[in-house]
């Protein structure tokens, strides 16, 4: 991989990690808040969080150095 591709993936990873932190904090506030929490919003945020986890994992695997067999 070229250095500029690695830099772009590293920047994307940082953005995704920050977005994940923000969504996780929002989920915690909604869960801990007063009861009628918007269930649809909670499901959407959980789904978004799962998607971010998958994308973050994929980028981390691409950026990790290959380990010898």
Protein backbone atom coordinates (compact mmCIF):
# COMPACT_ATOMS: atom_id res chain seq x y z
CA UNK A 1 0.00 0.00 0.00
CA UNK A 2 1.14 3.49 -0.75
CA UNK A 3 1.87 5.92 2.07
CA UNK A 4 -0.98 8.23 1.06
CA UNK A 5 -3.44 5.31 1.18
CA UNK A 6 -2.21 4.40 4.66
CA UNK A 7 -2.58 8.01 5.78
CA UNK A 8 -6.12 8.18 4.40
CA UNK A 9 -7.10 4.93 6.13
CA UNK A 10 -5.54 6.09 9.40
CA UNK A 11 -7.49 9.36 9.24
CA UNK A 12 -10.71 7.50 8.43
CA UNK A 13 -10.09 5.16 11.36
CA UNK A 14 -9.64 8.12 13.72
CA UNK A 15 -12.89 9.70 12.48
CA UNK A 16 -14.79 6.42 12.88
CA UNK A 17 -13.44 5.85 16.40
CA UNK A 18 -14.49 9.36 17.42
CA UNK A 19 -17.96 8.87 15.90
CA UNK A 20 -18.26 5.56 17.76
CA UNK A 21 -17.39 7.26 21.07
CA UNK A 22 -19.99 9.95 20.44
CA UNK A 23 -22.73 7.44 19.60
CA UNK A 24 -21.84 5.22 22.57
CA UNK A 25 -22.07 8.24 24.89
CA UNK A 26 -25.45 9.18 23.39
CA UNK A 27 -26.72 5.64 23.91
CA UNK A 28 -25.60 5.70 27.54
CA UNK A 29 -27.37 9.02 28.15
CA UNK A 30 -30.58 7.75 26.54
CA UNK A 31 -30.52 4.49 28.51
CA UNK A 32 -29.80 6.24 31.81
CA UNK A 33 -32.27 9.04 31.19
CA UNK A 34 -35.87 9.21 32.22
CA UNK A 35 -38.11 6.45 30.85
CA UNK A 36 -39.78 7.18 27.81
CA UNK A 37 -36.56 6.79 25.83
CA UNK A 38 -37.20 6.70 22.11
CA UNK A 39 -36.92 2.98 21.34
CA UNK A 40 -36.62 3.54 17.59
CA UNK A 41 -33.74 5.95 18.12
CA UNK A 42 -32.06 3.47 20.46
CA UNK A 43 -32.30 0.70 17.85
CA UNK A 44 -30.94 2.97 15.12
CA UNK A 45 -28.02 4.07 17.26
CA UNK A 46 -27.22 0.45 18.20
CA UNK A 47 -27.30 -0.55 14.53
CA UNK A 48 -25.03 2.37 13.63
CA UNK A 49 -22.67 1.40 16.44
CA UNK A 50 -22.47 -2.18 15.15
CA UNK A 51 -21.71 -0.94 11.63
CA UNK A 52 -18.98 1.34 12.95
CA UNK A 53 -17.47 -1.54 14.93
CA UNK A 54 -17.31 -3.63 11.77
CA UNK A 55 -15.72 -0.85 9.71
CA UNK A 56 -13.22 -0.06 12.48
CA UNK A 57 -12.26 -3.73 12.75
CA UNK A 58 -11.81 -4.00 8.99
CA UNK A 59 -9.57 -0.93 8.86
CA UNK A 60 -7.54 -2.12 11.85
CA UNK A 61 -6.93 -5.47 10.14
CA UNK A 62 -5.83 -3.69 6.96
CA UNK A 63 -3.49 -1.40 8.84
CA UNK A 64 -1.98 -4.11 11.06
CA UNK A 65 1.31 -5.50 9.83
CA UNK A 66 1.18 -9.02 8.46
CA UNK A 67 2.25 -11.62 10.97
CA UNK A 68 4.41 -14.48 9.78
CA UNK A 69 2.70 -17.87 9.69
